[in-house]
């Protein structure tokens, strides 16, 4: 195995947790991107597409910044 200075075995992150976080991020990113396209908000689309935020940025967009439908 690799030996990284300063890291012990107690900092090991289980693969299932990483997979869960990836699925969480992909889901919220897809939902957020869908609504940015639907609402023609290009700047938000670029921000959500480029930044990896574990779903935080898409959730913030959907909750506070999405244009309200008429």
Foldseek 3Di string as FASTA:
>chain_A
DDDDPPDDPVPDDDPVVVVVLVVQQVVLLVVLLVQCVVQVPVVLNVVSVPDRDSNPSSVCCVVPPGDDDD
